[in-house]
Amino acid sequence: MKLIIGGAYQGKSAYARSKYPHIHWIDGGKCKLEEIYQAEGIIGFHNYVKRVLEEDEKQILTLVERLIQENPAIVIISQEIGYGLVPVDSFERRYREEMGRICTRIASVSSCVERILCGIPILLKNRREAKMEIEEVKPGDIEERSFEMISEELGDMELIPGTEPIVKRCIHTSADFDYGKNLVFSEDVVSKGMEAIRKGASIVTDTQMGKAGINKKKLAQYGGEVYCFMSDEDVAAEAIKNGTTRATASMNKAAKRGEKLIFAIGNAPTALIQLHKLIQKGDINPELIIAVPVGFVNVVQSKEMILSLENTPYIVAKGRKGGSNIAACICNALLYMMD
């Protein structure tokens, strides 16, 4: 049940017709009294109530409860009755009182209540009507069903061809559909990333959590490993000596390895900042940078630095969102796309 109310000549009917274009409306001032219990929508509900009082007063006692039981999906448009001077006429006073009680009860059970003022809707109440139902899905089919639901909810959102599995896996990992909009891909980055993996590239992460989340067995099929240097003693010593973060020192250590590397950064903006410096100096040439740190301090700025790189493939989550889980899931998406 939905209720649209407002003063006289405020645009209630026009708003309702535009919002619910497929509804068949009845006129509360002219329809048969029984029609309301099957109608999709009623315009001028206040006129209908007045007619009930005039034609069959006994119905007013059961009107609302019967309507709730027999036609819970109806859309009701009613003029607000009760403002201004109290009527002298006893019938008009009762009519005003009954309208107040009836609209209060209808509003209490309605999923949506809107007040129209000068043609502008003001939302007073909104809740979903759908009942929570447990969907029966076999354990082995849960992931497949999840991706089906993601595709359904994405609807007509346009994704860059070839990047869809990455975007959907990020959404699957986080339940956050913003990744449909905030992931930025350099030109041909998906094919370049997969080609690097085929040629044995290893992956460097900035957290043990990121390392743990990457499918190492799958990567090993192509000769690659997953590294995280954050806990290494030499990295800790360098960070203390130079007054930097361990993430910065980790990137320096990675640059010295002299092998094909993909960087999956989900936590430390300082790792991205250092990678940018190392690339600019020519000390490292990454196969791919996955730049998705989450947080506040220098997060956005560090991602923008990676976006400014002209010759380095990248996948970047613009803004503050990201995380080690997102970095790992992008790596896994690339790996699974190679099957």
C-alpha atoms as a PDB file:
ATOM      1  CA  MET A   1       0.000   0.000   0.000  1.00  0.00           C
ATOM      2  CA  LYS A   2       1.236   3.476  -0.896  1.00  0.00           C
ATOM      3  CA  LEU A   3      -0.141   6.863   0.160  1.00  0.00           C
ATOM      4  CA  ILE A   4       0.283  10.191  -1.627  1.00  0.00           C
ATOM      5  CA  ILE A   5      -1.171  13.191   0.200  1.00  0.00           C
ATOM      6  CA  GLY A   6      -1.089  16.965  -0.096  1.00  0.00           C
ATOM      7  CA  GLY A   7      -3.160  20.099  -0.279  1.00  0.00           C
ATOM      8  CA  ALA A   8      -5.617  20.968  -3.042  1.00  0.00           C
ATOM      9  CA  TYR A   9      -4.118  21.645  -6.496  1.00  0.00           C
ATOM     10  CA  GLN A  10      -0.566  20.723  -5.445  1.00  0.00           C
ATOM     11  CA  GLY A  11       0.086  18.271  -8.310  1.00  0.00           C
ATOM     12  CA  LYS A  12      -0.651  14.993  -6.522  1.00  0.00           C
ATOM     13  CA  SER A  13      -2.396  13.294  -9.441  1.00  0.00           C
ATOM     14  CA  ALA A  14       0.155  14.388 -12.028  1.00  0.00           C
ATOM     15  CA  TYR A  15       2.997  13.130  -9.826  1.00  0.00           C
ATOM     16  CA  ALA A  16       1.268   9.797  -9.190  1.00  0.00           C
ATOM     17  CA  ARG A  17       0.521   9.237 -12.876  1.00  0.00           C
ATOM     18  CA  SER A  18       4.161   9.861 -13.806  1.00  0.00           C
ATOM     19  CA  LYS A  19       5.508   7.644 -11.031  1.00  0.00           C
ATOM     20  CA  TYR A  20       3.049   4.801 -11.664  1.00  0.00           C
ATOM     21  CA  PRO A  21       2.317   5.070 -15.426  1.00  0.00           C
ATOM     22  CA  HIS A  22       0.876   1.577 -15.790  1.00  0.00           C
ATOM     23  CA  ILE A  23      -1.695   1.821 -13.012  1.00  0.00           C
ATOM     24  CA  HIS A  24      -5.401   1.968 -13.806  1.00  0.00           C
ATOM     25  CA  TRP A  25      -6.926   4.686 -11.641  1.00  0.00           C
ATOM     26  CA  ILE A  26     -10.454   5.057 -10.346  1.00  0.00           C
ATOM     27  CA  ASP A  27     -12.013   8.379  -9.323  1.00  0.00           C
ATOM     28  CA  GLY A  28     -13.030   8.408  -5.675  1.00  0.00           C
ATOM     29  CA  GLY A  29     -15.746  10.931  -6.415  1.00  0.00           C
ATOM     30  CA  LYS A  30     -17.500   8.789  -9.047  1.00  0.00           C
ATOM     31  CA  CYS A  31     -16.559   5.117  -8.682  1.00  0.00           C
ATOM     32  CA  LYS A  32     -18.767   2.450  -7.159  1.00  0.00           C
ATOM     33  CA  LEU A  33     -18.020   2.032  -3.466  1.00  0.00           C
ATOM     34  CA  GLU A  34     -16.994  -1.621  -3.915  1.00  0.00           C
ATOM     35  CA  GLU A  35     -14.496  -0.810  -6.675  1.00  0.00           C
ATOM     36  CA  ILE A  36     -11.866   0.331  -4.196  1.00  0.00           C
ATOM     37  CA  TYR A  37     -11.275  -3.233  -3.020  1.00  0.00           C
ATOM     38  CA  GLN A  38     -10.018  -4.320  -6.457  1.00  0.00           C
ATOM     39  CA  ALA A  39      -8.594  -1.030  -7.803  1.00  0.00           C
ATOM     40  CA  GLU A  40      -4.884  -0.544  -8.554  1.00  0.00           C
ATOM     41  CA  GLY A  41      -5.061   3.121  -7.602  1.00  0.00           C
ATOM     42  CA  ILE A  42      -7.587   5.689  -6.462  1.00  0.00           C
ATOM     43  CA  ILE A  43      -7.501   9.425  -7.091  1.00  0.00           C
ATOM     44  CA  GLY A  44      -9.515  11.616  -4.754  1.00  0.00           C
ATOM     45  CA  PHE A  45      -9.669   9.190  -1.856  1.00  0.00           C
ATOM     46  CA  HIS A  46     -10.943  12.015   0.350  1.00  0.00           C
ATOM     47  CA  ASN A  47     -13.995  12.282  -1.912  1.00  0.00           C
ATOM     48  CA  TYR A  48     -14.522   8.562  -1.632  1.00  0.00           C
ATOM     49  CA  VAL A  49     -14.511   8.697   2.177  1.00  0.00           C
ATOM     50  CA  LYS A  50     -17.002  11.546   2.120  1.00  0.00           C
ATOM     51  CA  ARG A  51     -19.307   9.534  -0.131  1.00  0.00           C
ATOM     52  CA  VAL A  52     -19.097   6.541   2.207  1.00  0.00           C
ATOM     53  CA  LEU A  53     -20.191   8.741   5.093  1.00  0.00           C
ATOM     54  CA  GLU A  54     -23.040  10.126   3.016  1.00  0.00           C
ATOM     55  CA  GLU A  55     -24.219   6.903   1.309  1.00  0.00           C
ATOM     56  CA  ASP A  56     -23.409   4.040   3.688  1.00  0.00           C
ATOM     57  CA  GLU A  57     -22.114   5.316   7.009  1.00  0.00           C
ATOM     58  CA  LYS A  58     -21.677   1.830   8.480  1.00  0.00           C
ATOM     59  CA  GLN A  59     -18.923   1.036   5.959  1.00  0.00           C
ATOM     60  CA  ILE A  60     -16.663   3.673   7.475  1.00  0.00           C
ATOM     61  CA  LEU A  61     -16.131   1.448  10.524  1.00  0.00           C
ATOM     62  CA  THR A  62     -14.593  -1.365   8.486  1.00  0.00           C
ATOM     63  CA  LEU A  63     -13.276   0.558   5.463  1.00  0.00           C
ATOM     64  CA  VAL A  64      -9.571   0.676   6.297  1.00  0.00           C
ATOM     65  CA  GLU A  65      -9.155  -2.802   7.770  1.00  0.00           C
ATOM     66  CA  ARG A  66     -11.046  -4.350   4.872  1.00  0.00           C
ATOM     67  CA  LEU A  67      -8.903  -2.406   2.412  1.00  0.00           C
ATOM     68  CA  ILE A  68      -5.724  -3.614   4.129  1.00  0.00           C
ATOM     69  CA  GLN A  69      -6.910  -7.211   3.963  1.00  0.00           C
ATOM     70  CA  GLU A  70      -8.380  -7.269   0.445  1.00  0.00           C
ATOM     71  CA  ASN A  71      -6.269  -4.754  -1.495  1.00  0.00           C
ATOM     72  CA  PRO A  72      -2.895  -4.196   0.236  1.00  0.00           C
ATOM     73  CA  ALA A  73      -1.142  -3.100  -2.987  1.00  0.00           C
ATOM     74  CA  ILE A  74      -3.390  -0.133  -3.787  1.00  0.00           C
ATOM     75  CA  VAL A  75      -1.944   3.340  -4.373  1.00  0.00           C
ATOM     76  CA  ILE A  76      -4.029   6.015  -2.640  1.00  0.00           C
ATOM     77  CA  ILE A  77      -4.065   9.715  -3.508  1.00  0.00           C
ATOM     78  CA  SER A  78      -5.805  11.892  -0.966  1.00  0.00           C
ATOM     79  CA  GLN A  79      -6.209  15.568  -0.240  1.00  0.00           C
ATOM     80  CA  GLU A  80      -5.216  16.578   3.276  1.00  0.00           C
ATOM     81  CA  ILE A  81      -8.334  17.327   5.313  1.00  0.00           C
ATOM     82  CA  GLY A  82      -8.169  18.925   8.729  1.00  0.00           C
ATOM     83  CA  TYR A  83      -6.147  22.100   8.404  1.00  0.00           C
ATOM     84  CA  GLY A  84      -7.685  25.513   8.970  1.00  0.00           C
ATOM     85  CA  LEU A  85     -10.853  26.444  10.865  1.00  0.00           C
ATOM     86  CA  VAL A  86     -13.012  23.816  12.548  1.00  0.00           C
ATOM     87  CA  PRO A  87     -16.233  23.477  10.511  1.00  0.00           C
ATOM     88  CA  VAL A  88     -19.509  24.594  12.104  1.00  0.00           C
ATOM     89  CA  ASP A  89     -21.423  21.829  10.349  1.00  0.00           C
ATOM     90  CA  SER A  90     -21.471  18.589  12.394  1.00  0.00           C
ATOM     91  CA  PHE A  91     -21.142  16.357   9.322  1.00  0.00           C
ATOM     92  CA  GLU A  92     -18.101  18.288   8.093  1.00  0.00           C
ATOM     93  CA  ARG A  93     -16.499  17.988  11.536  1.00  0.00           C
ATOM     94  CA  ARG A  94     -17.024  14.247  11.593  1.00  0.00           C
ATOM     95  CA  TYR A  95     -15.747  13.954   8.018  1.00  0.00           C
ATOM     96  CA  ARG A  96     -12.557  15.769   8.973  1.00  0.00           C
ATOM     97  CA  GLU A  97     -12.050  13.562  12.036  1.00  0.00           C
ATOM     98  CA  GLU A  98     -12.657  10.351  10.090  1.00  0.00           C
ATOM     99  CA  MET A  99     -10.226  11.385   7.353  1.00  0.00           C
ATOM    100  CA  GLY A 100      -7.544  12.051   9.958  1.00  0.00           C
ATOM    101  CA  ARG A 101      -8.008   8.634  11.572  1.00  0.00           C
ATOM    102  CA  ILE A 102      -8.212   6.798   8.242  1.00  0.00           C
ATOM    103  CA  CYS A 103      -5.099   8.427   6.725  1.00  0.00           C
ATOM    104  CA  THR A 104      -3.162   7.809   9.947  1.00  0.00           C
ATOM    105  CA  ARG A 105      -4.011   4.105   9.803  1.00  0.00           C
ATOM    106  CA  ILE A 106      -3.231   3.837   6.081  1.00  0.00           C
ATOM    107  CA  ALA A 107       0.108   5.590   6.591  1.00  0.00           C
ATOM    108  CA  SER A 108       0.995   3.164   9.373  1.00  0.00           C
ATOM    109  CA  VAL A 109       0.777   0.159   7.039  1.00  0.00           C
ATOM    110  CA  SER A 110       1.959   1.807   3.816  1.00  0.00           C
ATOM    111  CA  SER A 111       5.383   0.986   2.427  1.00  0.00           C
ATOM    112  CA  CYS A 112       5.699   4.496   1.034  1.00  0.00           C
ATOM    113  CA  VAL A 113       4.127   7.789   2.137  1.00  0.00           C
ATOM    114  CA  GLU A 114       4.774  10.989   0.175  1.00  0.00           C
ATOM    115  CA  ARG A 115       3.486  14.539   0.619  1.00  0.00           C
ATOM    116  CA  ILE A 116       3.280  16.700  -2.486  1.00  0.00           C
ATOM    117  CA  LEU A 117       3.945  20.427  -2.126  1.00  0.00           C
ATOM    118  CA  CYS A 118       4.013  22.613  -5.249  1.00  0.00           C
ATOM    119  CA  GLY A 119       4.462  19.491  -7.331  1.00  0.00           C
ATOM    120  CA  ILE A 120       7.521  18.407  -5.332  1.00  0.00           C
ATOM    121  CA  PRO A 121       7.373  15.055  -3.488  1.00  0.00           C
ATOM    122  CA  ILE A 122       8.515  14.975   0.123  1.00  0.00           C
ATOM    123  CA  LEU A 123       9.242  11.435   1.303  1.00  0.00           C
ATOM    124  CA  LEU A 124       7.721  10.783   4.726  1.00  0.00           C
ATOM    125  CA  LYS A 125       8.155   7.014   4.857  1.00  0.00           C
ATOM    126  CA  ASN A 126       9.787   4.333   2.764  1.00  0.00           C
ATOM    127  CA  ARG A 127      10.349   0.663   3.365  1.00  0.00           C
ATOM    128  CA  ARG A 128      10.586  -2.422   1.198  1.00  0.00           C
ATOM    129  CA  GLU A 129       7.498  -4.566   0.985  1.00  0.00           C
ATOM    130  CA  ALA A 130       9.301  -7.708  -0.075  1.00  0.00           C
ATOM    131  CA  LYS A 131       9.303 -10.554   2.400  1.00  0.00           C
ATOM    132  CA  MET A 132      12.631 -12.065   3.331  1.00  0.00           C
ATOM    133  CA  GLU A 133      12.780 -15.548   1.876  1.00  0.00           C
ATOM    134  CA  ILE A 134      15.597 -18.077   2.119  1.00  0.00           C
ATOM    135  CA  GLU A 135      16.781 -19.105  -1.319  1.00  0.00           C
ATOM    136  CA  GLU A 136      17.590 -22.783  -1.657  1.00  0.00           C
ATOM    137  CA  VAL A 137      21.023 -23.021  -3.300  1.00  0.00           C
ATOM    138  CA  LYS A 138      23.395 -25.983  -3.311  1.00  0.00           C
ATOM    139  CA  PRO A 139      26.787 -25.244  -1.667  1.00  0.00           C
ATOM    140  CA  GLY A 140      28.631 -25.700  -4.955  1.00  0.00           C
ATOM    141  CA  ASP A 141      26.299 -23.272  -6.725  1.00  0.00           C
ATOM    142  CA  ILE A 142      26.479 -20.359  -4.253  1.00  0.00           C
ATOM    143  CA  GLU A 143      29.233 -18.463  -6.062  1.00  0.00           C
ATOM    144  CA  GLU A 144      27.577 -18.949  -9.445  1.00  0.00           C
ATOM    145  CA  ARG A 145      24.249 -17.730  -8.047  1.00  0.00           C
ATOM    146  CA  SER A 146      25.986 -14.739  -6.453  1.00  0.00           C
ATOM    147  CA  PHE A 147      27.426 -13.691  -9.811  1.00  0.00           C
ATOM    148  CA  GLU A 148      24.010 -14.104 -11.428  1.00  0.00           C
ATOM    149  CA  MET A 149      22.536 -11.743  -8.832  1.00  0.00           C
ATOM    150  CA  ILE A 150      25.373  -9.266  -9.375  1.00  0.00           C
ATOM    151  CA  SER A 151      24.729  -9.284 -13.127  1.00  0.00           C
ATOM    152  CA  GLU A 152      21.007  -8.752 -12.533  1.00  0.00           C
ATOM    153  CA  GLU A 153      21.606  -5.815 -10.206  1.00  0.00           C
ATOM    154  CA  LEU A 154      24.182  -4.222 -12.489  1.00  0.00           C
ATOM    155  CA  GLY A 155      21.464  -4.157 -15.120  1.00  0.00           C
ATOM    156  CA  ASP A 156      22.346  -1.849 -17.997  1.00  0.00           C
ATOM    157  CA  MET A 157      25.470  -0.394 -16.387  1.00  0.00           C
ATOM    158  CA  GLU A 158      28.094  -0.189 -19.115  1.00  0.00           C
ATOM    159  CA  LEU A 159      31.401  -1.892 -18.284  1.00  0.00           C
ATOM    160  CA  ILE A 160      34.557  -1.840 -20.375  1.00  0.00           C
ATOM    161  CA  PRO A 161      34.559  -5.017 -22.511  1.00  0.00           C
ATOM    162  CA  GLY A 162      36.940  -7.579 -21.023  1.00  0.00           C
ATOM    163  CA  THR A 163      36.914  -6.070 -17.533  1.00  0.00           C
ATOM    164  CA  GLU A 164      33.533  -7.476 -16.460  1.00  0.00           C
ATOM    165  CA  PRO A 165      34.907 -10.487 -14.515  1.00  0.00           C
ATOM    166  CA  ILE A 166      37.198  -8.205 -12.502  1.00  0.00           C
ATOM    167  CA  VAL A 167      34.459  -5.709 -11.666  1.00  0.00           C
ATOM    168  CA  LYS A 168      32.012  -8.453 -10.706  1.00  0.00           C
ATOM    169  CA  ARG A 169      34.553 -10.238  -8.506  1.00  0.00           C
ATOM    170  CA  CYS A 170      35.273  -6.975  -6.667  1.00  0.00           C
ATOM    171  CA  ILE A 171      31.548  -6.555  -6.083  1.00  0.00           C
ATOM    172  CA  HIS A 172      31.293 -10.204  -5.032  1.00  0.00           C
ATOM    173  CA  THR A 173      34.094  -9.704  -2.506  1.00  0.00           C
ATOM    174  CA  SER A 174      32.753  -6.470  -1.030  1.00  0.00           C
ATOM    175  CA  ALA A 175      29.012  -6.375  -1.876  1.00  0.00           C
ATOM    176  CA  ASP A 176      29.761  -2.815  -3.010  1.00  0.00           C
ATOM    177  CA  PHE A 177      28.403  -1.892  -6.435  1.00  0.00           C
ATOM    178  CA  ASP A 178      30.469   1.308  -6.472  1.00  0.00           C
ATOM    179  CA  TYR A 179      33.243  -0.785  -8.015  1.00  0.00           C
ATOM    180  CA  GLY A 180      31.175  -0.793 -11.177  1.00  0.00           C
ATOM    181  CA  LYS A 181      32.008   2.898 -11.465  1.00  0.00           C
ATOM    182  CA  ASN A 182      35.264   3.579  -9.627  1.00  0.00           C
ATOM    183  CA  LEU A 183      37.601   0.986 -11.180  1.00  0.00           C
ATOM    184  CA  VAL A 184      39.869   2.542 -13.811  1.00  0.00           C
ATOM    185  CA  PHE A 185      41.698   0.371 -16.337  1.00  0.00           C
ATOM    186  CA  SER A 186      44.624   1.433 -18.501  1.00  0.00           C
ATOM    187  CA  GLU A 187      44.478   0.443 -22.144  1.00  0.00           C
ATOM    188  CA  ASP A 188      44.597  -3.340 -22.736  1.00  0.00           C
ATOM    189  CA  VAL A 189      45.563  -3.877 -19.093  1.00  0.00           C
ATOM    190  CA  VAL A 190      43.650  -7.146 -18.744  1.00  0.00           C
ATOM    191  CA  SER A 191      45.415  -8.818 -21.661  1.00  0.00           C
ATOM    192  CA  LYS A 192      48.762  -7.352 -20.564  1.00  0.00           C
ATOM    193  CA  GLY A 193      48.290  -8.634 -17.010  1.00  0.00           C
ATOM    194  CA  MET A 194      47.377 -12.137 -18.144  1.00  0.00           C
ATOM    195  CA  GLU A 195      50.309 -12.215 -20.568  1.00  0.00           C
ATOM    196  CA  ALA A 196      52.669 -11.239 -17.746  1.00  0.00           C
ATOM    197  CA  ILE A 197      51.324 -14.084 -15.617  1.00  0.00           C
ATOM    198  CA  ARG A 198      51.760 -16.543 -18.492  1.00  0.00           C
ATOM    199  CA  LYS A 199      55.404 -15.463 -18.730  1.00  0.00           C
ATOM    200  CA  GLY A 200      55.999 -16.217 -15.055  1.00  0.00           C
ATOM    201  CA  ALA A 201      55.474 -12.843 -13.375  1.00  0.00           C
ATOM    202  CA  SER A 202      55.276 -12.906  -9.573  1.00  0.00           C
ATOM    203  CA  ILE A 203      52.993 -10.759  -7.407  1.00  0.00           C
ATOM    204  CA  VAL A 204      54.128  -8.413  -4.642  1.00  0.00           C
ATOM    205  CA  THR A 205      51.590  -7.405  -1.995  1.00  0.00           C
ATOM    206  CA  ASP A 206      51.798  -4.869   0.812  1.00  0.00           C
ATOM    207  CA  THR A 207      50.047  -7.049   3.429  1.00  0.00           C
ATOM    208  CA  GLN A 208      50.156 -10.645   4.574  1.00  0.00           C
ATOM    209  CA  MET A 209      46.367 -10.634   4.250  1.00  0.00           C
ATOM    210  CA  GLY A 210      46.656  -9.777   0.562  1.00  0.00           C
ATOM    211  CA  LYS A 211      49.215 -12.512   0.080  1.00  0.00           C
ATOM    212  CA  ALA A 212      47.001 -15.048   1.843  1.00  0.00           C
ATOM    213  CA  GLY A 213      44.030 -14.209  -0.375  1.00  0.00           C
ATOM    214  CA  ILE A 214      45.747 -14.795  -3.723  1.00  0.00           C
ATOM    215  CA  ASN A 215      45.440 -18.228  -5.301  1.00  0.00           C
ATOM    216  CA  LYS A 216      49.105 -19.188  -5.095  1.00  0.00           C
ATOM    217  CA  LYS A 217      48.576 -22.678  -6.501  1.00  0.00           C
ATOM    218  CA  LYS A 218      47.005 -21.210  -9.628  1.00  0.00           C
ATOM    219  CA  LEU A 219      49.787 -18.651 -10.025  1.00  0.00           C
ATOM    220  CA  ALA A 220      52.431 -21.368  -9.576  1.00  0.00           C
ATOM    221  CA  GLN A 221      51.076 -23.150 -12.674  1.00  0.00           C
ATOM    222  CA  TYR A 222      52.625 -20.319 -14.682  1.00  0.00           C
ATOM    223  CA  GLY A 223      55.844 -20.157 -12.657  1.00  0.00           C
ATOM    224  CA  GLY A 224      54.981 -17.167 -10.448  1.00  0.00           C
ATOM    225  CA  GLU A 225      55.093 -16.662  -6.673  1.00  0.00           C
ATOM    226  CA  VAL A 226      53.460 -14.263  -4.226  1.00  0.00           C
ATOM    227  CA  TYR A 227      55.745 -12.099  -2.097  1.00  0.00           C
ATOM    228  CA  CYS A 228      55.124  -9.891   0.894  1.00  0.00           C
ATOM    229  CA  PHE A 229      58.252  -8.334   2.386  1.00  0.00           C
ATOM    230  CA  MET A 230      56.535  -6.351   5.150  1.00  0.00           C
ATOM    231  CA  SER A 231      57.668  -8.697   7.941  1.00  0.00           C
ATOM    232  CA  ASP A 232      61.236  -9.132   6.718  1.00  0.00           C
ATOM    233  CA  GLU A 233      63.914  -8.041   9.179  1.00  0.00           C
ATOM    234  CA  ASP A 234      65.959  -6.189   6.553  1.00  0.00           C
ATOM    235  CA  VAL A 235      62.851  -4.234   5.514  1.00  0.00           C
ATOM    236  CA  ALA A 236      62.152  -3.254   9.109  1.00  0.00           C
ATOM    237  CA  ALA A 237      65.778  -2.188   9.573  1.00  0.00           C
ATOM    238  CA  GLU A 238      65.765  -0.066   6.411  1.00  0.00           C
ATOM    239  CA  ALA A 239      62.514   1.614   7.408  1.00  0.00           C
ATOM    240  CA  ILE A 240      63.926   2.561  10.819  1.00  0.00           C
ATOM    241  CA  LYS A 241      67.213   3.737   9.332  1.00  0.00           C
ATOM    242  CA  ASN A 242      65.590   5.953   6.695  1.00  0.00           C
ATOM    243  CA  GLY A 243      62.559   7.018   8.694  1.00  0.00           C
ATOM    244  CA  THR A 244      60.087   5.581   6.191  1.00  0.00           C
ATOM    245  CA  THR A 245      57.262   3.108   6.331  1.00  0.00           C
ATOM    246  CA  ARG A 246      57.852  -0.607   5.858  1.00  0.00           C
ATOM    247  CA  ALA A 247      55.743  -0.396   2.727  1.00  0.00           C
ATOM    248  CA  THR A 248      58.242   2.041   1.220  1.00  0.00           C
ATOM    249  CA  ALA A 249      61.156  -0.211   2.146  1.00  0.00           C
ATOM    250  CA  SER A 250      59.277  -3.213   0.729  1.00  0.00           C
ATOM    251  CA  MET A 251      58.982  -1.556  -2.650  1.00  0.00           C
ATOM    252  CA  ASN A 252      62.724  -0.848  -2.616  1.00  0.00           C
ATOM    253  CA  LYS A 253      63.414  -4.502  -1.894  1.00  0.00           C
ATOM    254  CA  ALA A 254      61.104  -5.603  -4.692  1.00  0.00           C
ATOM    255  CA  ALA A 255      62.840  -3.284  -7.149  1.00  0.00           C
ATOM    256  CA  LYS A 256      66.139  -5.052  -6.523  1.00  0.00           C
ATOM    257  CA  ARG A 257      64.842  -8.496  -7.445  1.00  0.00           C
ATOM    258  CA  GLY A 258      65.200  -7.957 -11.182  1.00  0.00           C
ATOM    259  CA  GLU A 259      62.230 -10.115 -12.206  1.00  0.00           C
ATOM    260  CA  LYS A 260      58.815  -9.601 -13.761  1.00  0.00           C
ATOM    261  CA  LEU A 261      56.531  -8.250 -11.023  1.00  0.00           C
ATOM    262  CA  ILE A 262      52.889  -7.367 -10.565  1.00  0.00           C
ATOM    263  CA  PHE A 263      52.179  -5.127  -7.571  1.00  0.00           C
ATOM    264  CA  ALA A 264      48.888  -5.612  -5.707  1.00  0.00           C
ATOM    265  CA  ILE A 265      48.629  -2.752  -3.203  1.00  0.00           C
ATOM    266  CA  GLY A 266      45.517  -2.717  -1.007  1.00  0.00           C
ATOM    267  CA  ASN A 267      46.636  -0.987   2.165  1.00  0.00           C
ATOM    268  CA  ALA A 268      49.613   1.375   1.977  1.00  0.00           C
ATOM    269  CA  PRO A 269      49.532   4.608  -0.057  1.00  0.00           C
ATOM    270  CA  THR A 270      53.251   4.991   0.692  1.00  0.00           C
ATOM    271  CA  ALA A 271      53.877   1.850  -1.364  1.00  0.00           C
ATOM    272  CA  LEU A 272      52.269   3.508  -4.386  1.00  0.00           C
ATOM    273  CA  ILE A 273      54.141   6.750  -3.811  1.00  0.00           C
ATOM    274  CA  GLN A 274      57.450   4.875  -3.704  1.00  0.00           C
ATOM    275  CA  LEU A 275      56.565   2.823  -6.760  1.00  0.00           C
ATOM    276  CA  HIS A 276      55.897   6.055  -8.624  1.00  0.00           C
ATOM    277  CA  LYS A 277      59.329   7.385  -7.611  1.00  0.00           C
ATOM    278  CA  LEU A 278      61.094   4.163  -8.599  1.00  0.00           C
ATOM    279  CA  ILE A 279      59.369   4.102 -11.989  1.00  0.00           C
ATOM    280  CA  GLN A 280      60.225   7.736 -12.644  1.00  0.00           C
ATOM    281  CA  LYS A 281      63.884   7.020 -11.826  1.00  0.00           C
ATOM    282  CA  GLY A 282      63.908   3.957 -14.080  1.00  0.00           C
ATOM    283  CA  ASP A 283      64.704   1.584 -11.201  1.00  0.00           C
ATOM    284  CA  ILE A 284      61.676  -0.636 -11.854  1.00  0.00           C
ATOM    285  CA  ASN A 285      59.271  -1.414 -14.685  1.00  0.00           C
ATOM    286  CA  PRO A 286      56.211  -3.230 -13.278  1.00  0.00           C
ATOM    287  CA  GLU A 287      54.155  -5.520 -15.475  1.00  0.00           C
ATOM    288  CA  LEU A 288      51.046  -4.209 -13.727  1.00  0.00           C
ATOM    289  CA  ILE A 289      50.105  -2.105 -10.698  1.00  0.00           C
ATOM    290  CA  ILE A 290      46.859  -2.891  -8.901  1.00  0.00           C
ATOM    291  CA  ALA A 291      46.347   0.291  -6.867  1.00  0.00           C
ATOM    292  CA  VAL A 292      43.460  -0.162  -4.429  1.00  0.00           C
ATOM    293  CA  PRO A 293      44.535   0.993  -0.939  1.00  0.00           C
ATOM    294  CA  VAL A 294      41.684   1.886   1.397  1.00  0.00           C
ATOM    295  CA  GLY A 295      41.673   4.794   3.832  1.00  0.00           C
ATOM    296  CA  PHE A 296      42.127   8.529   4.080  1.00  0.00           C
ATOM    297  CA  VAL A 297      45.670   9.931   4.382  1.00  0.00           C
ATOM    298  CA  ASN A 298      47.212  10.207   0.887  1.00  0.00           C
ATOM    299  CA  VAL A 299      44.996   7.423  -0.439  1.00  0.00           C
ATOM    300  CA  VAL A 300      43.369   9.432  -3.218  1.00  0.00           C
ATOM    301  CA  GLN A 301      46.604  11.299  -4.031  1.00  0.00           C
ATOM    302  CA  SER A 302      48.680   8.124  -4.333  1.00  0.00           C
ATOM    303  CA  LYS A 303      46.143   6.555  -6.693  1.00  0.00           C
ATOM    304  CA  GLU A 304      46.173   9.662  -8.857  1.00  0.00           C
ATOM    305  CA  MET A 305      49.959   9.353  -9.085  1.00  0.00           C
ATOM    306  CA  ILE A 306      49.581   5.870 -10.548  1.00  0.00           C
ATOM    307  CA  LEU A 307      46.914   7.110 -12.947  1.00  0.00           C
ATOM    308  CA  SER A 308      49.425   9.650 -14.240  1.00  0.00           C
ATOM    309  CA  LEU A 309      51.840   6.935 -15.401  1.00  0.00           C
ATOM    310  CA  GLU A 310      51.849   6.706 -19.190  1.00  0.00           C
ATOM    311  CA  ASN A 311      53.714   3.464 -19.825  1.00  0.00           C
ATOM    312  CA  THR A 312      52.748   1.344 -16.825  1.00  0.00           C
ATOM    313  CA  PRO A 313      49.627  -0.868 -16.979  1.00  0.00           C
ATOM    314  CA  TYR A 314      47.330  -0.240 -14.006  1.00  0.00           C
ATOM    315  CA  ILE A 315      44.016  -1.070 -12.395  1.00  0.00           C
ATOM    316  CA  VAL A 316      43.030   1.643  -9.933  1.00  0.00           C
ATOM    317  CA  ALA A 317      40.055   2.004  -7.587  1.00  0.00           C
ATOM    318  CA  LYS A 318      39.530   5.759  -7.589  1.00  0.00           C
ATOM    319  CA  GLY A 319      38.597   7.395  -4.309  1.00  0.00           C
ATOM    320  CA  ARG A 320      38.985   6.028  -0.804  1.00  0.00           C
ATOM    321  CA  LYS A 321      37.610   2.534  -1.293  1.00  0.00           C
ATOM    322  CA  GLY A 322      39.682  -0.605  -1.698  1.00  0.00           C
ATOM    323  CA  GLY A 323      41.527  -2.966   0.611  1.00  0.00           C
ATOM    324  CA  SER A 324      43.769  -6.020   0.656  1.00  0.00           C
ATOM    325  CA  ASN A 325      40.778  -8.228  -0.130  1.00  0.00           C
ATOM    326  CA  ILE A 326      40.075  -6.186  -3.269  1.00  0.00           C
ATOM    327  CA  ALA A 327      43.735  -6.348  -4.336  1.00  0.00           C
ATOM    328  CA  ALA A 328      43.706 -10.128  -3.925  1.00  0.00           C
ATOM    329  CA  CYS A 329      40.396 -10.616  -5.713  1.00  0.00           C
ATOM    330  CA  ILE A 330      41.623  -8.643  -8.759  1.00  0.00           C
ATOM    331  CA  CYS A 331      44.662 -10.922  -8.934  1.00  0.00           C
ATOM    332  CA  ASN A 332      42.406 -13.969  -8.686  1.00  0.00           C
ATOM    333  CA  ALA A 333      40.059 -12.611 -11.332  1.00  0.00           C
ATOM    334  CA  LEU A 334      42.970 -12.379 -13.757  1.00  0.00           C
ATOM    335  CA  LEU A 335      44.062 -15.901 -12.866  1.00  0.00           C
ATOM    336  CA  TYR A 336      40.561 -17.373 -13.315  1.00  0.00           C
ATOM    337  CA  MET A 337      40.094 -15.558 -16.617  1.00  0.00           C
ATOM    338  CA  MET A 338      43.074 -17.510 -17.993  1.00  0.00           C
ATOM    339  CA  ASP A 339      41.280 -20.873 -17.778  1.00  0.00           C
END
